[in-house]
């Protein structure tokens, strides 16, 4: 199917990240290149953009869409947790802008063969990068019940996690679970009927949890957040679009930690935690989509954008 992904909060990303001529930007989740296509013209002349994505199909789509920008853009298949290494390999000591648009893309959801959606019949896959070894089928058919329950609870915030894990294990003992529709049937059977009558689709939280576990999404986010000081140039901006509370909490806490906020107990007469001010928030509250954007793209409704600016010139705080 043709690669199609509608970028969320596009105007807000451009507004708050403020791309300027001659700057270096990284779109660390380039997808189909929607955000990059809006950022690149503002970097010219003299600027440069690197686009990363774990999905080879997204990389190809972005290369085609952004080809008119020539040598001003480079598209790379890779994981943003390795961004510091990727930049160093290209002789880039720091960047002026960094964007992360987290989660799964519309293309991945709408392409049945990728196995991300609980609304399509497909093999259980859910890998963002096809070169990964762990698939959803491997996870649900081999992981211990206790571990399954833990990830469904932690990554899906699913109150029926233990029941769902128990039903998965019971079902796989009869025959392997190989398709999305079979997994949905098992999840529905595990959740009491009264709990299925309202709210989200019964499988939504479990599918989210499995996807996060398979792709190591939260660990990758924590890793890149911990590297912001070395990735961003003085004055460099970082923007993160998240779609659920687990991601947003990691970003919020990372920005707070790097803002230099003291973590000492309040009864201490002198600060001893040594926190330094590395970032300053540009958005003090998360920016959310407009009513018009949600009407045009319902999948944007849960998007949250947080932006901060690098303020320290040197790592020693000078």
C-alpha atoms as a PDB file:
ATOM      1  CA  UNK A   1       0.000   0.000   0.000  1.00  0.00           C
ATOM      2  CA  UNK A   2       1.218   3.591  -0.619  1.00  0.00           C
ATOM      3  CA  UNK A   3       2.997   5.144   2.366  1.00  0.00           C
ATOM      4  CA  UNK A   4       0.742   7.789   3.886  1.00  0.00           C
ATOM      5  CA  UNK A   5       1.075   9.438   7.281  1.00  0.00           C
ATOM      6  CA  UNK A   6      -0.470  12.755   8.279  1.00  0.00           C
ATOM      7  CA  UNK A   7       1.889  14.698  10.578  1.00  0.00           C
ATOM      8  CA  UNK A   8       0.266  15.919  13.780  1.00  0.00           C
ATOM      9  CA  UNK A   9       0.717  19.358  15.332  1.00  0.00           C
ATOM     10  CA  UNK A  10       2.622  20.447  12.210  1.00  0.00           C
ATOM     11  CA  UNK A  11       2.161  24.206  12.621  1.00  0.00           C
ATOM     12  CA  UNK A  12       2.981  23.973  16.325  1.00  0.00           C
ATOM     13  CA  UNK A  13       6.176  22.012  15.666  1.00  0.00           C
ATOM     14  CA  UNK A  14       7.424  24.655  13.241  1.00  0.00           C
ATOM     15  CA  UNK A  15       6.385  27.472  15.571  1.00  0.00           C
ATOM     16  CA  UNK A  16       8.082  26.162  18.706  1.00  0.00           C
ATOM     17  CA  UNK A  17      11.193  24.572  17.161  1.00  0.00           C
ATOM     18  CA  UNK A  18      11.867  27.759  15.141  1.00  0.00           C
ATOM     19  CA  UNK A  19      14.062  26.335  12.358  1.00  0.00           C
ATOM     20  CA  UNK A  20      16.428  28.992  10.973  1.00  0.00           C
ATOM     21  CA  UNK A  21      18.655  29.187   7.861  1.00  0.00           C
ATOM     22  CA  UNK A  22      21.970  27.406   8.334  1.00  0.00           C
ATOM     23  CA  UNK A  23      20.871  25.255  11.276  1.00  0.00           C
ATOM     24  CA  UNK A  24      21.192  21.490  11.660  1.00  0.00           C
ATOM     25  CA  UNK A  25      18.008  19.598  12.528  1.00  0.00           C
ATOM     26  CA  UNK A  26      17.190  15.968  13.197  1.00  0.00           C
ATOM     27  CA  UNK A  27      13.763  14.484  12.586  1.00  0.00           C
ATOM     28  CA  UNK A  28      14.377  11.333  14.605  1.00  0.00           C
ATOM     29  CA  UNK A  29      11.093   9.689  13.567  1.00  0.00           C
ATOM     30  CA  UNK A  30      10.874  10.887   9.991  1.00  0.00           C
ATOM     31  CA  UNK A  31       8.002   8.630   8.882  1.00  0.00           C
ATOM     32  CA  UNK A  32       6.776   9.824   5.504  1.00  0.00           C
ATOM     33  CA  UNK A  33       8.647  13.112   5.863  1.00  0.00           C
ATOM     34  CA  UNK A  34       5.671  15.338   6.692  1.00  0.00           C
ATOM     35  CA  UNK A  35       7.301  17.324   9.493  1.00  0.00           C
ATOM     36  CA  UNK A  36      10.632  17.419   7.657  1.00  0.00           C
ATOM     37  CA  UNK A  37       9.027  18.824   4.513  1.00  0.00           C
ATOM     38  CA  UNK A  38       7.825  21.795   6.564  1.00  0.00           C
ATOM     39  CA  UNK A  39      11.114  22.263   8.439  1.00  0.00           C
ATOM     40  CA  UNK A  40      13.591  21.958   5.545  1.00  0.00           C
ATOM     41  CA  UNK A  41      12.662  25.118   3.600  1.00  0.00           C
ATOM     42  CA  UNK A  42      13.266  27.136   6.762  1.00  0.00           C
ATOM     43  CA  UNK A  43      16.787  25.721   7.133  1.00  0.00           C
ATOM     44  CA  UNK A  44      17.863  26.972   3.707  1.00  0.00           C
ATOM     45  CA  UNK A  45      20.215  28.280   2.630  1.00  0.00           C
ATOM     46  CA  UNK A  46      23.042  26.449   4.342  1.00  0.00           C
ATOM     47  CA  UNK A  47      21.057  24.239   6.691  1.00  0.00           C
ATOM     48  CA  UNK A  48      20.869  20.486   6.918  1.00  0.00           C
ATOM     49  CA  UNK A  49      18.367  17.905   8.124  1.00  0.00           C
ATOM     50  CA  UNK A  50      18.930  14.286   9.098  1.00  0.00           C
ATOM     51  CA  UNK A  51      15.873  12.053   9.118  1.00  0.00           C
ATOM     52  CA  UNK A  52      15.874   8.771  11.041  1.00  0.00           C
ATOM     53  CA  UNK A  53      13.416   5.918  11.116  1.00  0.00           C
ATOM     54  CA  UNK A  54      13.513   2.263  12.135  1.00  0.00           C
ATOM     55  CA  UNK A  55      11.071   1.338   9.388  1.00  0.00           C
ATOM     56  CA  UNK A  56      12.706   0.721   5.997  1.00  0.00           C
ATOM     57  CA  UNK A  57       9.431   1.513   4.239  1.00  0.00           C
ATOM     58  CA  UNK A  58       9.274   4.900   5.973  1.00  0.00           C
ATOM     59  CA  UNK A  59      12.889   5.581   5.019  1.00  0.00           C
ATOM     60  CA  UNK A  60      12.136   4.937   1.357  1.00  0.00           C
ATOM     61  CA  UNK A  61       9.000   7.082   1.460  1.00  0.00           C
ATOM     62  CA  UNK A  62      10.876   9.958   3.111  1.00  0.00           C
ATOM     63  CA  UNK A  63      13.703   9.750   0.565  1.00  0.00           C
ATOM     64  CA  UNK A  64      11.217  10.064  -2.274  1.00  0.00           C
ATOM     65  CA  UNK A  65       9.263  12.914  -0.704  1.00  0.00           C
ATOM     66  CA  UNK A  66      12.322  14.931   0.342  1.00  0.00           C
ATOM     67  CA  UNK A  67      14.429  14.275  -2.764  1.00  0.00           C
ATOM     68  CA  UNK A  68      13.882  17.844  -4.092  1.00  0.00           C
ATOM     69  CA  UNK A  69      15.964  19.179  -1.196  1.00  0.00           C
ATOM     70  CA  UNK A  70      19.046  17.376  -2.520  1.00  0.00           C
ATOM     71  CA  UNK A  71      22.127  17.346  -0.310  1.00  0.00           C
ATOM     72  CA  UNK A  72      20.386  19.385   2.403  1.00  0.00           C
ATOM     73  CA  UNK A  73      18.723  16.207   3.642  1.00  0.00           C
ATOM     74  CA  UNK A  74      19.970  12.726   4.550  1.00  0.00           C
ATOM     75  CA  UNK A  75      17.593   9.894   5.442  1.00  0.00           C
ATOM     76  CA  UNK A  76      18.957   7.082   7.608  1.00  0.00           C
ATOM     77  CA  UNK A  77      17.512   3.778   8.736  1.00  0.00           C
ATOM     78  CA  UNK A  78      18.226   3.698  12.452  1.00  0.00           C
ATOM     79  CA  UNK A  79      16.968   3.996  16.023  1.00  0.00           C
ATOM     80  CA  UNK A  80      17.019   7.372  17.755  1.00  0.00           C
ATOM     81  CA  UNK A  81      18.519   5.777  20.867  1.00  0.00           C
ATOM     82  CA  UNK A  82      21.759   5.658  18.836  1.00  0.00           C
ATOM     83  CA  UNK A  83      21.513   9.279  17.716  1.00  0.00           C
ATOM     84  CA  UNK A  84      24.754  10.384  19.365  1.00  0.00           C
ATOM     85  CA  UNK A  85      26.677   7.654  17.527  1.00  0.00           C
ATOM     86  CA  UNK A  86      24.954   8.464  14.225  1.00  0.00           C
ATOM     87  CA  UNK A  87      25.815  12.149  14.571  1.00  0.00           C
ATOM     88  CA  UNK A  88      29.426  11.431  15.504  1.00  0.00           C
ATOM     89  CA  UNK A  89      29.837   9.171  12.462  1.00  0.00           C
ATOM     90  CA  UNK A  90      28.934  12.163  10.289  1.00  0.00           C
ATOM     91  CA  UNK A  91      31.175  14.608  12.109  1.00  0.00           C
ATOM     92  CA  UNK A  92      28.269  16.467  13.712  1.00  0.00           C
ATOM     93  CA  UNK A  93      29.052  17.640  17.237  1.00  0.00           C
ATOM     94  CA  UNK A  94      25.581  18.948  18.024  1.00  0.00           C
ATOM     95  CA  UNK A  95      22.263  19.943  16.472  1.00  0.00           C
ATOM     96  CA  UNK A  96      20.059  23.007  16.655  1.00  0.00           C
ATOM     97  CA  UNK A  97      16.757  21.162  16.527  1.00  0.00           C
ATOM     98  CA  UNK A  98      15.530  17.684  17.408  1.00  0.00           C
ATOM     99  CA  UNK A  99      12.030  16.310  16.859  1.00  0.00           C
ATOM    100  CA  UNK A 100      10.636  13.011  18.102  1.00  0.00           C
ATOM    101  CA  UNK A 101       7.132  11.993  17.022  1.00  0.00           C
ATOM    102  CA  UNK A 102       6.599   8.893  19.131  1.00  0.00           C
ATOM    103  CA  UNK A 103       4.470   5.804  18.750  1.00  0.00           C
ATOM    104  CA  UNK A 104       3.193   3.923  15.731  1.00  0.00           C
ATOM    105  CA  UNK A 105       2.479   5.609  12.402  1.00  0.00           C
ATOM    106  CA  UNK A 106      -0.828   5.617  10.540  1.00  0.00           C
ATOM    107  CA  UNK A 107       0.811   3.613   7.767  1.00  0.00           C
ATOM    108  CA  UNK A 108       1.895   0.905  10.188  1.00  0.00           C
ATOM    109  CA  UNK A 109      -1.587   0.766  11.709  1.00  0.00           C
ATOM    110  CA  UNK A 110      -3.376   0.736   8.360  1.00  0.00           C
ATOM    111  CA  UNK A 111      -1.111  -1.794   6.674  1.00  0.00           C
ATOM    112  CA  UNK A 112      -2.611  -5.132   7.816  1.00  0.00           C
ATOM    113  CA  UNK A 113       0.503  -7.197   7.143  1.00  0.00           C
ATOM    114  CA  UNK A 114       2.440  -5.276   9.818  1.00  0.00           C
ATOM    115  CA  UNK A 115       0.237  -6.749  12.564  1.00  0.00           C
ATOM    116  CA  UNK A 116      -0.101  -3.570  14.655  1.00  0.00           C
ATOM    117  CA  UNK A 117      -3.868  -3.227  14.416  1.00  0.00           C
ATOM    118  CA  UNK A 118      -6.499  -5.084  16.400  1.00  0.00           C
ATOM    119  CA  UNK A 119      -8.988  -4.233  13.641  1.00  0.00           C
ATOM    120  CA  UNK A 120      -7.378  -6.226  10.810  1.00  0.00           C
ATOM    121  CA  UNK A 121      -6.618  -9.914  10.287  1.00  0.00           C
ATOM    122  CA  UNK A 122      -2.828 -10.270  10.084  1.00  0.00           C
ATOM    123  CA  UNK A 123       0.135 -12.314  11.302  1.00  0.00           C
ATOM    124  CA  UNK A 124       1.254 -11.246  14.769  1.00  0.00           C
ATOM    125  CA  UNK A 125       4.295  -9.069  14.056  1.00  0.00           C
ATOM    126  CA  UNK A 126       4.335  -5.463  15.413  1.00  0.00           C
ATOM    127  CA  UNK A 127       8.016  -4.830  14.626  1.00  0.00           C
ATOM    128  CA  UNK A 128       8.753  -1.218  13.713  1.00  0.00           C
ATOM    129  CA  UNK A 129      11.951  -2.412  12.046  1.00  0.00           C
ATOM    130  CA  UNK A 130      11.676  -5.646  10.083  1.00  0.00           C
ATOM    131  CA  UNK A 131      15.231  -6.648  11.034  1.00  0.00           C
ATOM    132  CA  UNK A 132      14.284  -7.221  14.680  1.00  0.00           C
ATOM    133  CA  UNK A 133      14.084 -10.807  15.922  1.00  0.00           C
ATOM    134  CA  UNK A 134      11.281 -10.415  18.468  1.00  0.00           C
ATOM    135  CA  UNK A 135       7.738 -10.475  17.062  1.00  0.00           C
ATOM    136  CA  UNK A 136       4.379 -10.357  18.794  1.00  0.00           C
ATOM    137  CA  UNK A 137       3.910 -14.042  17.952  1.00  0.00           C
ATOM    138  CA  UNK A 138       7.145 -14.958  19.713  1.00  0.00           C
ATOM    139  CA  UNK A 139       6.228 -12.879  22.732  1.00  0.00           C
ATOM    140  CA  UNK A 140       2.705 -14.199  23.282  1.00  0.00           C
ATOM    141  CA  UNK A 141       3.687 -17.817  22.619  1.00  0.00           C
ATOM    142  CA  UNK A 142       6.892 -18.051  24.666  1.00  0.00           C
ATOM    143  CA  UNK A 143       7.038 -15.474  27.441  1.00  0.00           C
ATOM    144  CA  UNK A 144       6.093 -16.641  30.965  1.00  0.00           C
ATOM    145  CA  UNK A 145       2.642 -15.724  32.231  1.00  0.00           C
ATOM    146  CA  UNK A 146       3.996 -13.485  34.979  1.00  0.00           C
ATOM    147  CA  UNK A 147       6.095 -11.494  32.523  1.00  0.00           C
ATOM    148  CA  UNK A 148       3.178 -11.133  30.117  1.00  0.00           C
ATOM    149  CA  UNK A 149       0.985  -9.838  32.925  1.00  0.00           C
ATOM    150  CA  UNK A 150       3.681  -7.374  33.972  1.00  0.00           C
ATOM    151  CA  UNK A 151       4.133  -5.766  30.554  1.00  0.00           C
ATOM    152  CA  UNK A 152       0.379  -5.617  29.881  1.00  0.00           C
ATOM    153  CA  UNK A 153      -0.061  -3.868  33.230  1.00  0.00           C
ATOM    154  CA  UNK A 154       2.950  -1.537  32.987  1.00  0.00           C
ATOM    155  CA  UNK A 155       2.931  -0.675  29.291  1.00  0.00           C
ATOM    156  CA  UNK A 156      -0.799  -0.934  28.642  1.00  0.00           C
ATOM    157  CA  UNK A 157      -2.073   0.212  32.045  1.00  0.00           C
ATOM    158  CA  UNK A 158      -4.616  -2.572  31.655  1.00  0.00           C
ATOM    159  CA  UNK A 159      -6.523  -3.433  34.841  1.00  0.00           C
ATOM    160  CA  UNK A 160      -7.284  -6.960  33.556  1.00  0.00           C
ATOM    161  CA  UNK A 161      -3.640  -7.735  32.808  1.00  0.00           C
ATOM    162  CA  UNK A 162      -3.436 -10.901  34.927  1.00  0.00           C
ATOM    163  CA  UNK A 163      -6.602 -12.381  33.454  1.00  0.00           C
ATOM    164  CA  UNK A 164      -5.477 -11.591  29.916  1.00  0.00           C
ATOM    165  CA  UNK A 165      -2.044 -13.147  30.491  1.00  0.00           C
ATOM    166  CA  UNK A 166      -3.609 -16.270  31.983  1.00  0.00           C
ATOM    167  CA  UNK A 167      -5.969 -16.629  29.018  1.00  0.00           C
ATOM    168  CA  UNK A 168      -3.109 -16.174  26.544  1.00  0.00           C
ATOM    169  CA  UNK A 169      -1.100 -18.918  28.224  1.00  0.00           C
ATOM    170  CA  UNK A 170      -4.119 -21.265  28.356  1.00  0.00           C
ATOM    171  CA  UNK A 171      -4.904 -20.651  24.680  1.00  0.00           C
ATOM    172  CA  UNK A 172      -1.340 -21.200  23.454  1.00  0.00           C
ATOM    173  CA  UNK A 173      -1.187 -24.547  25.215  1.00  0.00           C
ATOM    174  CA  UNK A 174      -3.938 -25.721  22.878  1.00  0.00           C
ATOM    175  CA  UNK A 175      -2.411 -24.218  19.722  1.00  0.00           C
ATOM    176  CA  UNK A 176       0.003 -21.377  18.862  1.00  0.00           C
ATOM    177  CA  UNK A 177      -1.463 -17.883  18.653  1.00  0.00           C
ATOM    178  CA  UNK A 178      -0.479 -16.623  15.213  1.00  0.00           C
ATOM    179  CA  UNK A 179      -2.931 -13.909  14.134  1.00  0.00           C
ATOM    180  CA  UNK A 180      -4.169 -10.569  15.422  1.00  0.00           C
ATOM    181  CA  UNK A 181      -7.800 -11.668  15.290  1.00  0.00           C
ATOM    182  CA  UNK A 182      -7.113 -14.755  17.396  1.00  0.00           C
ATOM    183  CA  UNK A 183      -5.351 -12.639  20.000  1.00  0.00           C
ATOM    184  CA  UNK A 184      -8.266 -10.190  20.043  1.00  0.00           C
ATOM    185  CA  UNK A 185     -10.672 -13.086  20.678  1.00  0.00           C
ATOM    186  CA  UNK A 186      -8.570 -14.230  23.639  1.00  0.00           C
ATOM    187  CA  UNK A 187      -8.378 -10.717  25.113  1.00  0.00           C
ATOM    188  CA  UNK A 188     -12.131 -10.201  24.773  1.00  0.00           C
ATOM    189  CA  UNK A 189     -12.811 -13.504  26.493  1.00  0.00           C
ATOM    190  CA  UNK A 190     -10.548 -12.499  29.394  1.00  0.00           C
ATOM    191  CA  UNK A 191     -12.281  -9.172  30.086  1.00  0.00           C
ATOM    192  CA  UNK A 192     -15.671  -9.279  31.847  1.00  0.00           C
ATOM    193  CA  UNK A 193     -18.594  -8.323  29.609  1.00  0.00           C
ATOM    194  CA  UNK A 194     -19.514  -5.303  31.732  1.00  0.00           C
ATOM    195  CA  UNK A 195     -16.005  -3.871  31.238  1.00  0.00           C
ATOM    196  CA  UNK A 196     -16.184  -4.348  27.470  1.00  0.00           C
ATOM    197  CA  UNK A 197     -19.332  -2.284  27.028  1.00  0.00           C
ATOM    198  CA  UNK A 198     -17.725   1.141  27.417  1.00  0.00           C
ATOM    199  CA  UNK A 199     -14.478   2.901  26.666  1.00  0.00           C
ATOM    200  CA  UNK A 200     -11.811   1.865  24.181  1.00  0.00           C
ATOM    201  CA  UNK A 201     -11.659  -1.339  22.184  1.00  0.00           C
ATOM    202  CA  UNK A 202     -10.945  -4.200  24.642  1.00  0.00           C
ATOM    203  CA  UNK A 203      -7.667  -5.061  22.891  1.00  0.00           C
ATOM    204  CA  UNK A 204      -6.285  -1.531  22.622  1.00  0.00           C
ATOM    205  CA  UNK A 205      -4.242  -1.479  25.813  1.00  0.00           C
ATOM    206  CA  UNK A 206      -2.826  -4.988  25.370  1.00  0.00           C
ATOM    207  CA  UNK A 207      -1.796  -4.325  21.766  1.00  0.00           C
ATOM    208  CA  UNK A 208      -0.116  -1.099  22.906  1.00  0.00           C
ATOM    209  CA  UNK A 209       1.760  -2.959  25.630  1.00  0.00           C
ATOM    210  CA  UNK A 210       2.976  -5.699  23.304  1.00  0.00           C
ATOM    211  CA  UNK A 211       4.122  -3.160  20.708  1.00  0.00           C
ATOM    212  CA  UNK A 212       6.066  -1.147  23.290  1.00  0.00           C
ATOM    213  CA  UNK A 213       7.757  -4.268  24.645  1.00  0.00           C
ATOM    214  CA  UNK A 214       8.659  -5.664  21.223  1.00  0.00           C
ATOM    215  CA  UNK A 215      10.210  -2.408  20.030  1.00  0.00           C
ATOM    216  CA  UNK A 216      11.772  -1.262  23.317  1.00  0.00           C
ATOM    217  CA  UNK A 217      10.066   2.088  22.835  1.00  0.00           C
ATOM    218  CA  UNK A 218      10.245   3.446  26.379  1.00  0.00           C
ATOM    219  CA  UNK A 219      13.852   2.377  26.889  1.00  0.00           C
ATOM    220  CA  UNK A 220      14.820   4.095  23.623  1.00  0.00           C
ATOM    221  CA  UNK A 221      13.044   7.274  24.741  1.00  0.00           C
ATOM    222  CA  UNK A 222      14.776   7.263  28.127  1.00  0.00           C
ATOM    223  CA  UNK A 223      18.127   6.743  26.396  1.00  0.00           C
ATOM    224  CA  UNK A 224      17.804   9.690  24.026  1.00  0.00           C
ATOM    225  CA  UNK A 225      16.443  11.938  26.793  1.00  0.00           C
ATOM    226  CA  UNK A 226      19.568  11.166  28.837  1.00  0.00           C
ATOM    227  CA  UNK A 227      21.752  12.251  25.896  1.00  0.00           C
ATOM    228  CA  UNK A 228      20.127  15.636  25.224  1.00  0.00           C
ATOM    229  CA  UNK A 229      22.947  17.592  26.819  1.00  0.00           C
ATOM    230  CA  UNK A 230      25.499  16.181  24.399  1.00  0.00           C
ATOM    231  CA  UNK A 231      23.193  16.170  21.360  1.00  0.00           C
ATOM    232  CA  UNK A 232      21.909  19.766  21.473  1.00  0.00           C
ATOM    233  CA  UNK A 233      23.968  22.831  20.607  1.00  0.00           C
ATOM    234  CA  UNK A 234      23.669  25.876  22.888  1.00  0.00           C
ATOM    235  CA  UNK A 235      20.238  27.294  22.164  1.00  0.00           C
ATOM    236  CA  UNK A 236      19.170  24.074  20.450  1.00  0.00           C
ATOM    237  CA  UNK A 237      15.499  23.063  20.730  1.00  0.00           C
ATOM    238  CA  UNK A 238      14.005  19.647  21.346  1.00  0.00           C
ATOM    239  CA  UNK A 239      10.376  18.798  20.728  1.00  0.00           C
ATOM    240  CA  UNK A 240       8.647  15.534  21.607  1.00  0.00           C
ATOM    241  CA  UNK A 241       5.175  14.489  20.515  1.00  0.00           C
ATOM    242  CA  UNK A 242       3.768  11.728  22.716  1.00  0.00           C
ATOM    243  CA  UNK A 243       0.487   9.859  22.506  1.00  0.00           C
ATOM    244  CA  UNK A 244       0.023   8.271  25.915  1.00  0.00           C
ATOM    245  CA  UNK A 245       0.847   9.012  29.526  1.00  0.00           C
ATOM    246  CA  UNK A 246       3.829   6.653  29.759  1.00  0.00           C
ATOM    247  CA  UNK A 247       5.739   8.521  27.044  1.00  0.00           C
ATOM    248  CA  UNK A 248       4.674  11.953  28.238  1.00  0.00           C
ATOM    249  CA  UNK A 249       5.736  11.172  31.801  1.00  0.00           C
ATOM    250  CA  UNK A 250       9.250  10.225  30.663  1.00  0.00           C
ATOM    251  CA  UNK A 251       9.596  13.448  28.657  1.00  0.00           C
ATOM    252  CA  UNK A 252       8.149  15.612  31.429  1.00  0.00           C
ATOM    253  CA  UNK A 253      10.458  14.113  34.050  1.00  0.00           C
ATOM    254  CA  UNK A 254      13.524  14.384  31.793  1.00  0.00           C
ATOM    255  CA  UNK A 255      12.844  18.043  31.052  1.00  0.00           C
ATOM    256  CA  UNK A 256      12.281  18.723  34.756  1.00  0.00           C
ATOM    257  CA  UNK A 257      15.503  16.948  35.736  1.00  0.00           C
ATOM    258  CA  UNK A 258      17.542  18.842  33.130  1.00  0.00           C
ATOM    259  CA  UNK A 259      15.964  22.168  34.110  1.00  0.00           C
ATOM    260  CA  UNK A 260      18.098  22.161  37.256  1.00  0.00           C
ATOM    261  CA  UNK A 261      15.244  21.780  39.687  1.00  0.00           C
ATOM    262  CA  UNK A 262      16.633  20.900  43.123  1.00  0.00           C
ATOM    263  CA  UNK A 263      15.805  17.390  44.329  1.00  0.00           C
ATOM    264  CA  UNK A 264      17.110  17.778  47.879  1.00  0.00           C
ATOM    265  CA  UNK A 265      14.756  17.179  50.814  1.00  0.00           C
ATOM    266  CA  UNK A 266      13.078  20.480  51.761  1.00  0.00           C
ATOM    267  CA  UNK A 267      14.521  20.444  55.278  1.00  0.00           C
ATOM    268  CA  UNK A 268      18.154  20.590  54.047  1.00  0.00           C
ATOM    269  CA  UNK A 269      19.642  24.070  54.685  1.00  0.00           C
ATOM    270  CA  UNK A 270      21.945  23.854  51.621  1.00  0.00           C
ATOM    271  CA  UNK A 271      21.446  22.218  48.226  1.00  0.00           C
ATOM    272  CA  UNK A 272      23.679  19.159  47.799  1.00  0.00           C
ATOM    273  CA  UNK A 273      22.079  17.453  44.800  1.00  0.00           C
ATOM    274  CA  UNK A 274      24.220  19.403  42.324  1.00  0.00           C
ATOM    275  CA  UNK A 275      21.508  19.724  39.693  1.00  0.00           C
ATOM    276  CA  UNK A 276      22.522  21.947  36.784  1.00  0.00           C
ATOM    277  CA  UNK A 277      20.312  23.930  34.447  1.00  0.00           C
ATOM    278  CA  UNK A 278      20.723  22.325  31.036  1.00  0.00           C
ATOM    279  CA  UNK A 279      17.275  22.960  29.557  1.00  0.00           C
ATOM    280  CA  UNK A 280      14.592  25.585  29.904  1.00  0.00           C
ATOM    281  CA  UNK A 281      11.012  24.753  28.960  1.00  0.00           C
ATOM    282  CA  UNK A 282       9.495  26.589  26.012  1.00  0.00           C
ATOM    283  CA  UNK A 283       6.090  24.999  26.516  1.00  0.00           C
ATOM    284  CA  UNK A 284       5.203  25.039  30.207  1.00  0.00           C
ATOM    285  CA  UNK A 285       2.195  22.837  29.484  1.00  0.00           C
ATOM    286  CA  UNK A 286       1.888  20.285  26.695  1.00  0.00           C
ATOM    287  CA  UNK A 287       0.563  21.704  23.430  1.00  0.00           C
ATOM    288  CA  UNK A 288      -2.495  19.841  22.146  1.00  0.00           C
ATOM    289  CA  UNK A 289      -4.169  19.685  18.715  1.00  0.00           C
ATOM    290  CA  UNK A 290      -6.852  22.159  17.780  1.00  0.00           C
ATOM    291  CA  UNK A 291     -10.458  21.128  17.393  1.00  0.00           C
ATOM    292  CA  UNK A 292     -10.087  21.549  13.640  1.00  0.00           C
ATOM    293  CA  UNK A 293      -7.068  19.237  13.488  1.00  0.00           C
ATOM    294  CA  UNK A 294      -8.818  16.552  15.520  1.00  0.00           C
ATOM    295  CA  UNK A 295     -11.831  16.783  13.219  1.00  0.00           C
ATOM    296  CA  UNK A 296      -9.585  16.338  10.171  1.00  0.00           C
ATOM    297  CA  UNK A 297      -7.418  13.655  11.797  1.00  0.00           C
ATOM    298  CA  UNK A 298      -9.054  11.886  14.780  1.00  0.00           C
ATOM    299  CA  UNK A 299      -5.817  10.026  15.532  1.00  0.00           C
ATOM    300  CA  UNK A 300      -4.291  13.350  16.566  1.00  0.00           C
ATOM    301  CA  UNK A 301      -6.621  13.720  19.561  1.00  0.00           C
ATOM    302  CA  UNK A 302      -4.202  12.255  22.127  1.00  0.00           C
ATOM    303  CA  UNK A 303      -1.073  14.021  20.829  1.00  0.00           C
ATOM    304  CA  UNK A 304       0.931  16.118  23.297  1.00  0.00           C
ATOM    305  CA  UNK A 305       3.896  18.304  22.330  1.00  0.00           C
ATOM    306  CA  UNK A 306       6.549  19.405  24.827  1.00  0.00           C
ATOM    307  CA  UNK A 307       9.453  21.654  23.785  1.00  0.00           C
ATOM    308  CA  UNK A 308      12.579  22.795  25.639  1.00  0.00           C
ATOM    309  CA  UNK A 309      15.737  24.763  24.798  1.00  0.00           C
ATOM    310  CA  UNK A 310      19.368  23.985  25.666  1.00  0.00           C
ATOM    311  CA  UNK A 311      20.708  26.821  27.790  1.00  0.00           C
ATOM    312  CA  UNK A 312      24.154  25.819  29.066  1.00  0.00           C
ATOM    313  CA  UNK A 313      27.125  26.481  26.845  1.00  0.00           C
ATOM    314  CA  UNK A 314      29.526  24.067  28.499  1.00  0.00           C
ATOM    315  CA  UNK A 315      28.971  20.804  30.355  1.00  0.00           C
ATOM    316  CA  UNK A 316      30.731  22.206  33.402  1.00  0.00           C
ATOM    317  CA  UNK A 317      28.031  24.861  33.697  1.00  0.00           C
ATOM    318  CA  UNK A 318      29.995  27.895  32.549  1.00  0.00           C
END
